[in-house]
Amino acid sequence: PEDTAVYYCAAARLWSASQDFWMDGRVYEHWGQGTQV
């Protein structure tokens, strides 16, 4: 039940597997409108 949310995908040209990087929404340049789960 705690997975209930609107889910979004986002695209980034620059990326790193570092958690501080990939978890930062500012890294991503394009966003979808979301889908409800």
Full PDB file with SEQRES, HELIX, SHEET, SSBOND, CRYST1, ORIGX, SCALE, CONECT and MASTER records, all heavy atoms in Angstrom:
SEQRES   1 A   37  PRO GLU ASP THR ALA VAL TYR TYR CYS ALA ALA ALA ARG          
SEQRES   2 A   37  LEU TRP SER ALA SER GLN ASP PHE TRP MET ASP GLY ARG          
SEQRES   3 A   37  VAL TYR GLU HIS TRP GLY GLN GLY THR GLN VAL                  
HELIX    1 AA1 GLN A   19  TRP A   22  1                                   4    
HELIX    2 AA2 GLY A   25  VAL A   27  5                                   3    
SHEET    1 AA1 2 VAL A   6  TYR A   7  0                                        
SHEET    2 AA1 2 THR A  35  GLN A  36 -1                                        
SHEET    1 AA2 2 ALA A  10  ALA A  11  0                                        
SHEET    2 AA2 2 HIS A  30  TRP A  31 -1                                        
CRYST1    1.000    1.000    1.000  90.00  90.00  90.00 P 1           1          
ORIGX1      1.000000  0.000000  0.000000        0.00000                         
ORIGX2      0.000000  1.000000  0.000000        0.00000                         
ORIGX3      0.000000  0.000000  1.000000        0.00000                         
SCALE1      1.000000  0.000000  0.000000        0.00000                         
SCALE2      0.000000  1.000000  0.000000        0.00000                         
SCALE3      0.000000  0.000000  1.000000        0.00000                         
ATOM      1  N   PRO A   1       0.820  -1.232   0.000  1.00  0.00           N  
ATOM      2  CA  PRO A   1       0.000   0.000   0.000  1.00  0.00           C  
ATOM      3  C   PRO A   1       0.843   1.266   0.000  1.00  0.00           C  
ATOM      4  O   PRO A   1       0.450   2.276  -0.604  1.00  0.00           O  
ATOM      5  CB  PRO A   1      -0.813  -0.151   1.279  1.00  0.00           C  
ATOM      6  CG  PRO A   1      -0.951  -1.624   1.460  1.00  0.00           C  
ATOM      7  CD  PRO A   1       0.360  -2.194   1.009  1.00  0.00           C  
ATOM      8  N   GLU A   2       1.994   1.219   0.634  1.00  0.00           N  
ATOM      9  CA  GLU A   2       2.857   2.411   0.678  1.00  0.00           C  
ATOM     10  C   GLU A   2       3.523   2.715  -0.659  1.00  0.00           C  
ATOM     11  O   GLU A   2       4.188   3.742  -0.788  1.00  0.00           O  
ATOM     12  CB  GLU A   2       3.914   2.284   1.781  1.00  0.00           C  
ATOM     13  CG  GLU A   2       4.702   1.000   1.756  1.00  0.00           C  
ATOM     14  CD  GLU A   2       4.132  -0.052   2.714  1.00  0.00           C  
ATOM     15  OE1 GLU A   2       2.899  -0.219   2.761  1.00  0.00           O  
ATOM     16  OE2 GLU A   2       4.963  -0.716   3.389  1.00  0.00           O  
ATOM     17  N   ASP A   3       3.371   1.852  -1.632  1.00  0.00           N  
ATOM     18  CA  ASP A   3       3.850   2.141  -2.982  1.00  0.00           C  
ATOM     19  C   ASP A   3       2.861   2.997  -3.774  1.00  0.00           C  
ATOM     20  O   ASP A   3       3.163   3.426  -4.889  1.00  0.00           O  
ATOM     21  CB  ASP A   3       4.101   0.842  -3.756  1.00  0.00           C  
ATOM     22  CG  ASP A   3       5.245   0.024  -3.184  1.00  0.00           C  
ATOM     23  OD1 ASP A   3       6.279   0.614  -2.821  1.00  0.00           O  
ATOM     24  OD2 ASP A   3       5.094  -1.214  -3.105  1.00  0.00           O  
ATOM     25  N   THR A   4       1.699   3.243  -3.197  1.00  0.00           N  
ATOM     26  CA  THR A   4       0.700   4.068  -3.866  1.00  0.00           C  
ATOM     27  C   THR A   4       1.234   5.473  -4.087  1.00  0.00           C  
ATOM     28  O   THR A   4       1.673   6.138  -3.147  1.00  0.00           O  
ATOM     29  CB  THR A   4      -0.588   4.122  -3.036  1.00  0.00           C  
ATOM     30  OG1 THR A   4      -1.158   2.818  -2.969  1.00  0.00           O  
ATOM     31  CG2 THR A   4      -1.600   5.092  -3.647  1.00  0.00           C  
ATOM     32  N   ALA A   5       1.209   5.921  -5.337  1.00  0.00           N  
ATOM     33  CA  ALA A   5       1.777   7.220  -5.696  1.00  0.00           C  
ATOM     34  C   ALA A   5       1.566   7.456  -7.182  1.00  0.00           C  
ATOM     35  O   ALA A   5       1.172   6.550  -7.921  1.00  0.00           O  
ATOM     36  CB  ALA A   5       3.264   7.272  -5.373  1.00  0.00           C  
ATOM     37  N   VAL A   6       1.858   8.671  -7.600  1.00  0.00           N  
ATOM     38  CA  VAL A   6       2.006   8.958  -9.025  1.00  0.00           C  
ATOM     39  C   VAL A   6       3.467   8.709  -9.381  1.00  0.00           C  
ATOM     40  O   VAL A   6       4.370   9.213  -8.703  1.00  0.00           O  
ATOM     41  CB  VAL A   6       1.604  10.399  -9.368  1.00  0.00           C  
ATOM     42  CG1 VAL A   6       1.817  10.669 -10.853  1.00  0.00           C  
ATOM     43  CG2 VAL A   6       0.145  10.654  -8.980  1.00  0.00           C  
ATOM     44  N   TYR A   7       3.682   7.924 -10.411  1.00  0.00           N  
ATOM     45  CA  TYR A   7       5.026   7.556 -10.831  1.00  0.00           C  
ATOM     46  C   TYR A   7       5.408   8.341 -12.085  1.00  0.00           C  
ATOM     47  O   TYR A   7       4.633   8.408 -13.050  1.00  0.00           O  
ATOM     48  CB  TYR A   7       5.090   6.053 -11.110  1.00  0.00           C  
ATOM     49  CG  TYR A   7       5.136   5.240  -9.844  1.00  0.00           C  
ATOM     50  CD1 TYR A   7       4.026   5.153  -9.011  1.00  0.00           C  
ATOM     51  CD2 TYR A   7       6.294   4.572  -9.468  1.00  0.00           C  
ATOM     52  CE1 TYR A   7       4.076   4.430  -7.836  1.00  0.00           C  
ATOM     53  CE2 TYR A   7       6.348   3.836  -8.298  1.00  0.00           C  
ATOM     54  CZ  TYR A   7       5.236   3.774  -7.485  1.00  0.00           C  
ATOM     55  OH  TYR A   7       5.277   3.050  -6.316  1.00  0.00           O  
ATOM     56  N   TYR A   8       6.613   8.892 -12.053  1.00  0.00           N  
ATOM     57  CA  TYR A   8       7.123   9.715 -13.153  1.00  0.00           C  
ATOM     58  C   TYR A   8       8.436   9.135 -13.665  1.00  0.00           C  
ATOM     59  O   TYR A   8       9.255   8.644 -12.880  1.00  0.00           O  
ATOM     60  CB  TYR A   8       7.405  11.137 -12.670  1.00  0.00           C  
ATOM     61  CG  TYR A   8       6.222  11.867 -12.105  1.00  0.00           C  
ATOM     62  CD1 TYR A   8       5.916  11.784 -10.756  1.00  0.00           C  
ATOM     63  CD2 TYR A   8       5.432  12.670 -12.916  1.00  0.00           C  
ATOM     64  CE1 TYR A   8       4.834  12.463 -10.221  1.00  0.00           C  
ATOM     65  CE2 TYR A   8       4.345  13.359 -12.396  1.00  0.00           C  
ATOM     66  CZ  TYR A   8       4.058  13.251 -11.049  1.00  0.00           C  
ATOM     67  OH  TYR A   8       2.986  13.936 -10.533  1.00  0.00           O  
ATOM     68  N   CYS A   9       8.646   9.245 -14.960  1.00  0.00           N  
ATOM     69  CA  CYS A   9       9.973   8.982 -15.499  1.00  0.00           C  
ATOM     70  C   CYS A   9      10.574  10.307 -15.957  1.00  0.00           C  
ATOM     71  O   CYS A   9       9.852  11.267 -16.265  1.00  0.00           O  
ATOM     72  CB  CYS A   9       9.944   7.971 -16.631  1.00  0.00           C  
ATOM     73  SG  CYS A   9       9.065   8.471 -18.114  1.00  0.00           S  
ATOM     74  N   ALA A  10      11.908  10.340 -15.977  1.00  0.00           N  
ATOM     75  CA  ALA A  10      12.612  11.556 -16.340  1.00  0.00           C  
ATOM     76  C   ALA A  10      13.909  11.187 -17.041  1.00  0.00           C  
ATOM     77  O   ALA A  10      14.484  10.121 -16.772  1.00  0.00           O  
ATOM     78  CB  ALA A  10      12.899  12.389 -15.098  1.00  0.00           C  
ATOM     79  N   ALA A  11      14.376  12.054 -17.923  1.00  0.00           N  
ATOM     80  CA  ALA A  11      15.546  11.773 -18.744  1.00  0.00           C  
ATOM     81  C   ALA A  11      16.664  12.757 -18.453  1.00  0.00           C  
ATOM     82  O   ALA A  11      16.420  13.968 -18.314  1.00  0.00           O  
ATOM     83  CB  ALA A  11      15.168  11.840 -20.228  1.00  0.00           C  
ATOM     84  N   ALA A  12      17.893  12.234 -18.401  1.00  0.00           N  
ATOM     85  CA  ALA A  12      19.070  13.043 -18.118  1.00  0.00           C  
ATOM     86  C   ALA A  12      20.196  12.684 -19.080  1.00  0.00           C  
ATOM     87  O   ALA A  12      20.488  11.506 -19.280  1.00  0.00           O  
ATOM     88  CB  ALA A  12      19.540  12.819 -16.682  1.00  0.00           C  
ATOM     89  N   ARG A  13      20.843  13.678 -19.636  1.00  0.00           N  
ATOM     90  CA  ARG A  13      21.980  13.408 -20.516  1.00  0.00           C  
ATOM     91  C   ARG A  13      23.236  13.101 -19.722  1.00  0.00           C  
ATOM     92  O   ARG A  13      24.069  12.294 -20.148  1.00  0.00           O  
ATOM     93  CB  ARG A  13      22.228  14.604 -21.441  1.00  0.00           C  
ATOM     94  CG  ARG A  13      21.243  14.664 -22.611  1.00  0.00           C  
ATOM     95  CD  ARG A  13      21.484  15.866 -23.470  1.00  0.00           C  
ATOM     96  NE  ARG A  13      21.174  17.102 -22.753  1.00  0.00           N  
ATOM     97  CZ  ARG A  13      21.286  18.312 -23.280  1.00  0.00           C  
ATOM     98  NH1 ARG A  13      21.711  18.456 -24.509  1.00  0.00           N  
ATOM     99  NH2 ARG A  13      20.957  19.370 -22.577  1.00  0.00           N  
ATOM    100  N   LEU A  14      23.392  13.755 -18.582  1.00  0.00           N  
ATOM    101  CA  LEU A  14      24.534  13.500 -17.720  1.00  0.00           C  
ATOM    102  C   LEU A  14      24.056  12.654 -16.552  1.00  0.00           C  
ATOM    103  O   LEU A  14      23.011  12.941 -15.966  1.00  0.00           O  
ATOM    104  CB  LEU A  14      25.145  14.808 -17.220  1.00  0.00           C  
ATOM    105  CG  LEU A  14      25.699  15.739 -18.307  1.00  0.00           C  
ATOM    106  CD1 LEU A  14      26.211  17.019 -17.675  1.00  0.00           C  
ATOM    107  CD2 LEU A  14      26.791  15.042 -19.099  1.00  0.00           C  
ATOM    108  N   TRP A  15      24.850  11.656 -16.201  1.00  0.00           N  
ATOM    109  CA  TRP A  15      24.377  10.723 -15.168  1.00  0.00           C  
ATOM    110  C   TRP A  15      25.537  10.086 -14.427  1.00  0.00           C  
ATOM    111  O   TRP A  15      26.632   9.921 -14.981  1.00  0.00           O  
ATOM    112  CB  TRP A  15      23.526   9.624 -15.830  1.00  0.00           C  
ATOM    113  CG  TRP A  15      22.813   8.719 -14.876  1.00  0.00           C  
ATOM    114  CD1 TRP A  15      21.627   8.966 -14.244  1.00  0.00           C  
ATOM    115  CD2 TRP A  15      23.203   7.409 -14.465  1.00  0.00           C  
ATOM    116  NE1 TRP A  15      21.265   7.895 -13.474  1.00  0.00           N  
ATOM    117  CE2 TRP A  15      22.213   6.926 -13.590  1.00  0.00           C  
ATOM    118  CE3 TRP A  15      24.304   6.600 -14.757  1.00  0.00           C  
ATOM    119  CZ2 TRP A  15      22.282   5.658 -12.996  1.00  0.00           C  
ATOM    120  CZ3 TRP A  15      24.375   5.339 -14.171  1.00  0.00           C  
ATOM    121  CH2 TRP A  15      23.367   4.889 -13.299  1.00  0.00           C  
ATOM    122  N   SER A  16      25.268   9.756 -13.192  1.00  0.00           N  
ATOM    123  CA  SER A  16      26.227   9.033 -12.378  1.00  0.00           C  
ATOM    124  C   SER A  16      25.457   8.094 -11.476  1.00  0.00           C  
ATOM    125  O   SER A  16      24.329   8.396 -11.071  1.00  0.00           O  
ATOM    126  CB  SER A  16      27.055  10.006 -11.535  1.00  0.00           C  
ATOM    127  OG  SER A  16      27.738   9.331 -10.505  1.00  0.00           O  
ATOM    128  N   ALA A  17      26.085   6.973 -11.168  1.00  0.00           N  
ATOM    129  CA  ALA A  17      25.451   6.012 -10.262  1.00  0.00           C  
ATOM    130  C   ALA A  17      25.556   6.451  -8.801  1.00  0.00           C  
ATOM    131  O   ALA A  17      25.021   5.783  -7.918  1.00  0.00           O  
ATOM    132  CB  ALA A  17      26.086   4.635 -10.443  1.00  0.00           C  
ATOM    133  N   SER A  18      26.247   7.544  -8.573  1.00  0.00           N  
ATOM    134  CA  SER A  18      26.309   8.084  -7.211  1.00  0.00           C  
ATOM    135  C   SER A  18      24.906   8.469  -6.756  1.00  0.00           C  
ATOM    136  O   SER A  18      24.161   9.144  -7.477  1.00  0.00           O  
ATOM    137  CB  SER A  18      27.219   9.315  -7.188  1.00  0.00           C  
ATOM    138  OG  SER A  18      27.022  10.049  -5.997  1.00  0.00           O  
ATOM    139  N   GLN A  19      24.570   8.032  -5.567  1.00  0.00           N  
ATOM    140  CA  GLN A  19      23.214   8.273  -5.059  1.00  0.00           C  
ATOM    141  C   GLN A  19      22.885   9.762  -5.004  1.00  0.00           C  
ATOM    142  O   GLN A  19      21.764  10.177  -5.308  1.00  0.00           O  
ATOM    143  CB  GLN A  19      23.070   7.641  -3.674  1.00  0.00           C  
ATOM    144  CG  GLN A  19      21.640   7.550  -3.183  1.00  0.00           C  
ATOM    145  CD  GLN A  19      21.526   6.735  -1.918  1.00  0.00           C  
ATOM    146  OE1 GLN A  19      22.013   7.130  -0.858  1.00  0.00           O  
ATOM    147  NE2 GLN A  19      20.899   5.583  -2.005  1.00  0.00           N  
ATOM    148  N   ASP A  20      23.851  10.563  -4.612  1.00  0.00           N  
ATOM    149  CA  ASP A  20      23.617  12.003  -4.529  1.00  0.00           C  
ATOM    150  C   ASP A  20      23.285  12.592  -5.895  1.00  0.00           C  
ATOM    151  O   ASP A  20      22.631  13.634  -5.982  1.00  0.00           O  
ATOM    152  CB  ASP A  20      24.849  12.710  -3.961  1.00  0.00           C  
ATOM    153  CG  ASP A  20      25.014  12.443  -2.477  1.00  0.00           C  
ATOM    154  OD1 ASP A  20      24.040  11.996  -1.842  1.00  0.00           O  
ATOM    155  OD2 ASP A  20      26.121  12.671  -1.962  1.00  0.00           O  
ATOM    156  N   PHE A  21      23.741  11.930  -6.933  1.00  0.00           N  
ATOM    157  CA  PHE A  21      23.519  12.450  -8.277  1.00  0.00           C  
ATOM    158  C   PHE A  21      22.190  11.967  -8.831  1.00  0.00           C  
ATOM    159  O   PHE A  21      21.313  12.779  -9.167  1.00  0.00           O  
ATOM    160  CB  PHE A  21      24.667  12.004  -9.197  1.00  0.00           C  
ATOM    161  CG  PHE A  21      24.705  12.734 -10.509  1.00  0.00           C  
ATOM    162  CD1 PHE A  21      25.442  13.891 -10.646  1.00  0.00           C  
ATOM    163  CD2 PHE A  21      24.006  12.266 -11.613  1.00  0.00           C  
ATOM    164  CE1 PHE A  21      25.487  14.574 -11.845  1.00  0.00           C  
ATOM    165  CE2 PHE A  21      24.042  12.943 -12.821  1.00  0.00           C  
ATOM    166  CZ  PHE A  21      24.786  14.091 -12.927  1.00  0.00           C  
ATOM    167  N   TRP A  22      21.996  10.660  -8.933  1.00  0.00           N  
ATOM    168  CA  TRP A  22      20.819  10.171  -9.651  1.00  0.00           C  
ATOM    169  C   TRP A  22      19.522  10.432  -8.904  1.00  0.00           C  
ATOM    170  O   TRP A  22      18.453  10.465  -9.513  1.00  0.00           O  
ATOM    171  CB  TRP A  22      20.941   8.682 -10.004  1.00  0.00           C  
ATOM    172  CG  TRP A  22      20.806   7.707  -8.874  1.00  0.00           C  
ATOM    173  CD1 TRP A  22      21.819   7.154  -8.134  1.00  0.00           C  
ATOM    174  CD2 TRP A  22      19.592   7.126  -8.359  1.00  0.00           C  
ATOM    175  NE1 TRP A  22      21.305   6.291  -7.204  1.00  0.00           N  
ATOM    176  CE2 TRP A  22      19.953   6.243  -7.319  1.00  0.00           C  
ATOM    177  CE3 TRP A  22      18.251   7.266  -8.692  1.00  0.00           C  
ATOM    178  CZ2 TRP A  22      19.007   5.498  -6.606  1.00  0.00           C  
ATOM    179  CZ3 TRP A  22      17.304   6.521  -7.990  1.00  0.00           C  
ATOM    180  CH2 TRP A  22      17.692   5.661  -6.955  1.00  0.00           C  
ATOM    181  N   MET A  23      19.610  10.649  -7.594  1.00  0.00           N  
ATOM    182  CA  MET A  23      18.399  10.929  -6.838  1.00  0.00           C  
ATOM    183  C   MET A  23      17.997  12.404  -6.882  1.00  0.00           C  
ATOM    184  O   MET A  23      16.922  12.762  -6.411  1.00  0.00           O  
ATOM    185  CB  MET A  23      18.580  10.500  -5.391  1.00  0.00           C  
ATOM    186  CG  MET A  23      18.484   9.007  -5.185  1.00  0.00           C  
ATOM    187  SD  MET A  23      18.396   8.598  -3.443  1.00  0.00           S  
ATOM    188  CE  MET A  23      17.844   6.883  -3.523  1.00  0.00           C  
ATOM    189  N   ASP A  24      18.852  13.228  -7.460  1.00  0.00           N  
ATOM    190  CA  ASP A  24      18.583  14.663  -7.516  1.00  0.00           C  
ATOM    191  C   ASP A  24      17.743  14.973  -8.754  1.00  0.00           C  
ATOM    192  O   ASP A  24      18.209  14.832  -9.876  1.00  0.00           O  
ATOM    193  CB  ASP A  24      19.907  15.422  -7.560  1.00  0.00           C  
ATOM    194  CG  ASP A  24      19.724  16.927  -7.448  1.00  0.00           C  
ATOM    195  OD1 ASP A  24      18.583  17.412  -7.645  1.00  0.00           O  
ATOM    196  OD2 ASP A  24      20.704  17.621  -7.167  1.00  0.00           O  
ATOM    197  N   GLY A  25      16.525  15.416  -8.552  1.00  0.00           N  
ATOM    198  CA  GLY A  25      15.631  15.687  -9.667  1.00  0.00           C  
ATOM    199  C   GLY A  25      16.149  16.750 -10.622  1.00  0.00           C  
ATOM    200  O   GLY A  25      15.761  16.779 -11.792  1.00  0.00           O  
ATOM    201  N   ARG A  26      17.036  17.599 -10.141  1.00  0.00           N  
ATOM    202  CA  ARG A  26      17.562  18.678 -10.989  1.00  0.00           C  
ATOM    203  C   ARG A  26      18.462  18.145 -12.101  1.00  0.00           C  
ATOM    204  O   ARG A  26      18.739  18.849 -13.069  1.00  0.00           O  
ATOM    205  CB  ARG A  26      18.324  19.686 -10.132  1.00  0.00           C  
ATOM    206  CG  ARG A  26      17.446  20.412  -9.133  1.00  0.00           C  
ATOM    207  CD  ARG A  26      18.277  21.217  -8.149  1.00  0.00           C  
ATOM    208  NE  ARG A  26      19.146  20.386  -7.340  1.00  0.00           N  
ATOM    209  CZ  ARG A  26      20.004  20.858  -6.434  1.00  0.00           C  
ATOM    210  NH1 ARG A  26      20.119  22.157  -6.261  1.00  0.00           N  
ATOM    211  NH2 ARG A  26      20.748  20.037  -5.723  1.00  0.00           N  
ATOM    212  N   VAL A  27      18.913  16.917 -11.966  1.00  0.00           N  
ATOM    213  CA  VAL A  27      19.757  16.299 -12.988  1.00  0.00           C  
ATOM    214  C   VAL A  27      18.975  16.027 -14.271  1.00  0.00           C  
ATOM    215  O   VAL A  27      19.520  15.996 -15.357  1.00  0.00           O  
ATOM    216  CB  VAL A  27      20.333  14.976 -12.424  1.00  0.00           C  
ATOM    217  CG1 VAL A  27      20.927  14.105 -13.503  1.00  0.00           C  
ATOM    218  CG2 VAL A  27      21.349  15.284 -11.336  1.00  0.00           C  
ATOM    219  N   TYR A  28      17.672  15.846 -14.123  1.00  0.00           N  
ATOM    220  CA  TYR A  28      16.835  15.373 -15.228  1.00  0.00           C  
ATOM    221  C   TYR A  28      16.217  16.544 -15.980  1.00  0.00           C  
ATOM    222  O   TYR A  28      15.670  17.465 -15.389  1.00  0.00           O  
ATOM    223  CB  TYR A  28      15.758  14.432 -14.681  1.00  0.00           C  
ATOM    224  CG  TYR A  28      16.371  13.215 -14.018  1.00  0.00           C  
ATOM    225  CD1 TYR A  28      16.753  13.254 -12.675  1.00  0.00           C  
ATOM    226  CD2 TYR A  28      16.615  12.054 -14.738  1.00  0.00           C  
ATOM    227  CE1 TYR A  28      17.362  12.157 -12.070  1.00  0.00           C  
ATOM    228  CE2 TYR A  28      17.205  10.950 -14.142  1.00  0.00           C  
ATOM    229  CZ  TYR A  28      17.572  11.006 -12.809  1.00  0.00           C  
ATOM    230  OH  TYR A  28      18.174   9.925 -12.216  1.00  0.00           O  
ATOM    231  N   GLU A  29      16.294  16.458 -17.306  1.00  0.00           N  
ATOM    232  CA  GLU A  29      15.878  17.589 -18.143  1.00  0.00           C  
ATOM    233  C   GLU A  29      14.462  17.460 -18.682  1.00  0.00           C  
ATOM    234  O   GLU A  29      13.832  18.458 -19.006  1.00  0.00           O  
ATOM    235  CB  GLU A  29      16.854  17.700 -19.327  1.00  0.00           C  
ATOM    236  CG  GLU A  29      18.292  17.918 -18.910  1.00  0.00           C  
ATOM    237  CD  GLU A  29      19.247  17.383 -19.965  1.00  0.00           C  
ATOM    238  OE1 GLU A  29      19.091  17.746 -21.135  1.00  0.00           O  
ATOM    239  OE2 GLU A  29      20.135  16.582 -19.619  1.00  0.00           O  
ATOM    240  N   HIS A  30      14.013  16.239 -18.822  1.00  0.00           N  
ATOM    241  CA  HIS A  30      12.686  16.018 -19.391  1.00  0.00           C  
ATOM    242  C   HIS A  30      11.898  15.112 -18.465  1.00  0.00           C  
ATOM    243  O   HIS A  30      12.436  14.113 -17.963  1.00  0.00           O  
ATOM    244  CB  HIS A  30      12.781  15.373 -20.775  1.00  0.00           C  
ATOM    245  CG  HIS A  30      13.670  16.098 -21.729  1.00  0.00           C  
ATOM    246  ND1 HIS A  30      13.359  17.344 -22.220  1.00  0.00           N  
ATOM    247  CD2 HIS A  30      14.870  15.770 -22.265  1.00  0.00           C  
ATOM    248  CE1 HIS A  30      14.323  17.748 -23.028  1.00  0.00           C  
ATOM    249  NE2 HIS A  30      15.259  16.819 -23.064  1.00  0.00           N  
ATOM    250  N   TRP A  31      10.643  15.438 -18.260  1.00  0.00           N  
ATOM    251  CA  TRP A  31       9.776  14.695 -17.350  1.00  0.00           C  
ATOM    252  C   TRP A  31       8.474  14.322 -18.045  1.00  0.00           C  
ATOM    253  O   TRP A  31       7.955  15.071 -18.871  1.00  0.00           O  
ATOM    254  CB  TRP A  31       9.442  15.548 -16.121  1.00  0.00           C  
ATOM    255  CG  TRP A  31      10.601  15.776 -15.223  1.00  0.00           C  
ATOM    256  CD1 TRP A  31      11.611  16.671 -15.396  1.00  0.00           C  
ATOM    257  CD2 TRP A  31      10.886  15.099 -13.995  1.00  0.00           C  
ATOM    258  NE1 TRP A  31      12.509  16.594 -14.364  1.00  0.00           N  
ATOM    259  CE2 TRP A  31      12.081  15.628 -13.484  1.00  0.00           C  
ATOM    260  CE3 TRP A  31      10.236  14.087 -13.280  1.00  0.00           C  
ATOM    261  CZ2 TRP A  31      12.647  15.185 -12.284  1.00  0.00           C  
ATOM    262  CZ3 TRP A  31      10.795  13.653 -12.089  1.00  0.00           C  
ATOM    263  CH2 TRP A  31      11.986  14.199 -11.601  1.00  0.00           C  
ATOM    264  N   GLY A  32       7.964  13.156 -17.661  1.00  0.00           N  
ATOM    265  CA  GLY A  32       6.647  12.762 -18.115  1.00  0.00           C  
ATOM    266  C   GLY A  32       5.565  13.339 -17.214  1.00  0.00           C  
ATOM    267  O   GLY A  32       5.859  14.012 -16.219  1.00  0.00           O  
ATOM    268  N   GLN A  33       4.327  13.063 -17.562  1.00  0.00           N  
ATOM    269  CA  GLN A  33       3.182  13.600 -16.822  1.00  0.00           C  
ATOM    270  C   GLN A  33       2.773  12.697 -15.651  1.00  0.00           C  
ATOM    271  O   GLN A  33       1.985  13.125 -14.798  1.00  0.00           O  
ATOM    272  CB  GLN A  33       1.990  13.792 -17.761  1.00  0.00           C  
ATOM    273  CG  GLN A  33       2.229  14.877 -18.802  1.00  0.00           C  
ATOM    274  CD  GLN A  33       2.506  16.218 -18.162  1.00  0.00           C  
ATOM    275  OE1 GLN A  33       1.733  16.713 -17.340  1.00  0.00           O  
ATOM    276  NE2 GLN A  33       3.628  16.833 -18.519  1.00  0.00           N  
ATOM    277  N   GLY A  34       3.267  11.503 -15.627  1.00  0.00           N  
ATOM    278  CA  GLY A  34       2.984  10.613 -14.506  1.00  0.00           C  
ATOM    279  C   GLY A  34       1.867   9.625 -14.771  1.00  0.00           C  
ATOM    280  O   GLY A  34       0.988   9.855 -15.607  1.00  0.00           O  
ATOM    281  N   THR A  35       1.919   8.515 -14.047  1.00  0.00           N  
ATOM    282  CA  THR A  35       0.872   7.506 -14.093  1.00  0.00           C  
ATOM    283  C   THR A  35       0.563   7.075 -12.666  1.00  0.00           C  
ATOM    284  O   THR A  35       1.473   6.878 -11.861  1.00  0.00           O  
ATOM    285  CB  THR A  35       1.274   6.311 -14.971  1.00  0.00           C  
ATOM    286  OG1 THR A  35       0.180   5.399 -15.089  1.00  0.00           O  
ATOM    287  CG2 THR A  35       2.482   5.565 -14.425  1.00  0.00           C  
ATOM    288  N   GLN A  36      -0.713   6.950 -12.350  1.00  0.00           N  
ATOM    289  CA  GLN A  36      -1.130   6.640 -10.984  1.00  0.00           C  
ATOM    290  C   GLN A  36      -1.018   5.142 -10.721  1.00  0.00           C  
ATOM    291  O   GLN A  36      -1.500   4.319 -11.502  1.00  0.00           O  
ATOM    292  CB  GLN A  36      -2.574   7.078 -10.764  1.00  0.00           C  
ATOM    293  CG  GLN A  36      -3.141   6.712  -9.396  1.00  0.00           C  
ATOM    294  CD  GLN A  36      -2.509   7.519  -8.270  1.00  0.00           C  
ATOM    295  OE1 GLN A  36      -2.367   8.743  -8.375  1.00  0.00           O  
ATOM    296  NE2 GLN A  36      -2.137   6.846  -7.188  1.00  0.00           N  
ATOM    297  N   VAL A  37      -0.411   4.813  -9.601  1.00  0.00           N  
ATOM    298  CA  VAL A  37      -0.375   3.436  -9.106  1.00  0.00           C  
ATOM    299  C   VAL A  37      -1.047   3.420  -7.742  1.00  0.00           C  
ATOM    300  O   VAL A  37      -0.661   4.173  -6.848  1.00  0.00           O  
ATOM    301  CB  VAL A  37       1.069   2.920  -8.994  1.00  0.00           C  
ATOM    302  CG1 VAL A  37       1.102   1.565  -8.284  1.00  0.00           C  
ATOM    303  CG2 VAL A  37       1.707   2.819 -10.365  1.00  0.00           C  
TER     304      VAL A  37                                                      
MASTER        0    0    0    2    4    0    0    6  303    1    0    3          
END                                                                             
